[in-house]
Amino acid sequence: MKIVQEATAGTLESSDLLVKVQPNQGLEVVINSDVNKQFGDQIRKVVDNTLQTLNVTDGLVIIDDKGALDCAIKARVECAVLRGSDEMKTLDWSKLL
């Protein structure tokens, strides 16, 4: 899956995150987090696993985290990627369960 247009999901409220995606050659992930020292590795793991599940190969993904839980990170990344892709009609929704 490729990101073909800019899209966002989430907020900058406490315990949430804002995910921005945009077209890019190759996959690049930038994570800015208020809790990076404590949970940076776990945040990266959730983001990477979510992108891998969606088979994202191209795009820039920018995460501005304000202490979100793993389930919120996954949901926001999925939402932003799906909004930014052109494969909504052919997506295998069962992979997201």
Protein backbone atom coordinates (compact mmCIF):
# COMPACT_ATOMS: atom_id res chain seq x y z
CA MET A 1 0.00 0.00 0.00
CA LYS A 2 1.22 3.49 -0.83
CA ILE A 3 0.28 6.83 0.66
CA VAL A 4 -0.97 8.93 -2.26
CA GLN A 5 -2.37 11.98 -0.44
CA GLU A 6 -1.90 13.83 2.82
CA ALA A 7 -4.12 12.70 5.67
CA THR A 8 -4.34 12.98 9.44
CA ALA A 9 -5.97 11.20 12.36
CA GLY A 10 -6.11 12.03 16.06
CA THR A 11 -5.53 15.08 18.22
CA LEU A 12 -2.81 16.69 20.30
CA GLU A 13 -4.82 16.23 23.50
CA SER A 14 -3.29 14.49 26.49
CA SER A 15 -3.32 10.66 26.16
CA ASP A 16 -3.84 10.87 22.38
CA LEU A 17 -1.65 11.33 19.34
CA LEU A 18 -1.75 13.02 15.97
CA VAL A 19 -0.72 10.93 12.98
CA LYS A 20 0.09 12.68 9.70
CA VAL A 21 0.83 10.80 6.49
CA GLN A 22 1.96 12.05 3.11
CA PRO A 23 3.39 10.63 -0.11
CA ASN A 24 7.08 9.71 -0.08
CA GLN A 25 9.36 7.37 -1.96
CA GLY A 26 10.11 4.60 0.48
CA LEU A 27 8.73 4.34 3.98
CA GLU A 28 9.87 6.83 6.61
CA VAL A 29 8.53 7.09 10.16
CA VAL A 30 9.17 10.05 12.46
CA ILE A 31 8.03 9.77 16.08
CA ASN A 32 7.89 12.72 18.48
CA SER A 33 6.67 11.75 21.95
CA ASP A 34 6.39 13.31 25.38
CA VAL A 35 7.10 9.87 26.85
CA ASN A 36 9.82 8.77 24.43
CA LYS A 37 12.37 7.92 27.12
CA GLN A 38 10.01 5.53 28.88
CA PHE A 39 7.96 4.12 25.99
CA GLY A 40 9.74 5.04 22.74
CA ASP A 41 10.61 1.44 21.84
CA GLN A 42 7.04 0.25 22.44
CA ILE A 43 5.57 3.12 20.41
CA ARG A 44 7.92 2.30 17.51
CA LYS A 45 6.99 -1.39 17.74
CA VAL A 46 3.23 -0.68 17.58
CA VAL A 47 3.64 1.75 14.66
CA ASP A 48 5.92 -0.61 12.72
CA ASN A 49 3.64 -3.63 13.30
CA THR A 50 0.58 -1.66 12.19
CA LEU A 51 2.30 -0.43 9.02
CA GLN A 52 3.51 -3.96 8.28
CA THR A 53 0.00 -5.40 8.73
CA LEU A 54 -1.31 -2.84 6.24
CA ASN A 55 1.59 -3.58 3.86
CA VAL A 56 2.60 0.08 3.69
CA THR A 57 5.65 0.38 1.44
CA ASP A 58 5.77 4.08 0.58
CA GLY A 59 4.90 7.13 2.62
CA LEU A 60 6.03 9.53 5.30
CA VAL A 61 4.38 8.89 8.67
CA ILE A 62 4.77 11.55 11.36
CA ILE A 63 3.62 10.73 14.90
CA ASP A 64 3.12 13.42 17.56
CA ASP A 65 2.38 11.39 20.69
CA LYS A 66 1.01 12.80 23.93
CA GLY A 67 1.02 9.57 25.95
CA ALA A 68 -1.44 7.43 23.98
CA LEU A 69 -2.06 3.77 24.76
CA ASP A 70 -1.09 1.07 22.24
CA CYS A 71 -4.68 0.59 21.07
CA ALA A 72 -5.00 4.32 20.29
CA ILE A 73 -1.68 4.34 18.44
CA LYS A 74 -2.77 1.41 16.28
CA ALA A 75 -6.19 2.91 15.55
CA ARG A 76 -4.83 6.35 14.66
CA VAL A 77 -2.11 4.94 12.39
CA GLU A 78 -4.64 2.69 10.61
CA CYS A 79 -7.06 5.58 10.15
CA ALA A 80 -4.47 8.01 8.77
CA VAL A 81 -2.99 5.41 6.41
CA LEU A 82 -6.39 4.37 5.07
CA ARG A 83 -7.39 8.00 4.56
CA GLY A 84 -4.13 8.64 2.69
CA SER A 85 -4.21 5.57 0.46
CA ASP A 86 -6.18 4.80 -2.66
CA GLU A 87 -6.76 1.14 -1.80
CA MET A 88 -9.85 1.46 0.39
CA LYS A 89 -11.99 -0.49 -2.09
CA THR A 90 -9.62 -3.46 -2.31
CA LEU A 91 -8.50 -3.61 1.32
CA ASP A 92 -8.77 -6.97 3.09
CA TRP A 93 -10.60 -5.74 6.20
CA SER A 94 -10.17 -9.08 7.97
CA LYS A 95 -6.45 -8.30 8.42
CA LEU A 96 -7.35 -5.37 10.65
CA LEU A 97 -9.15 -7.51 13.24
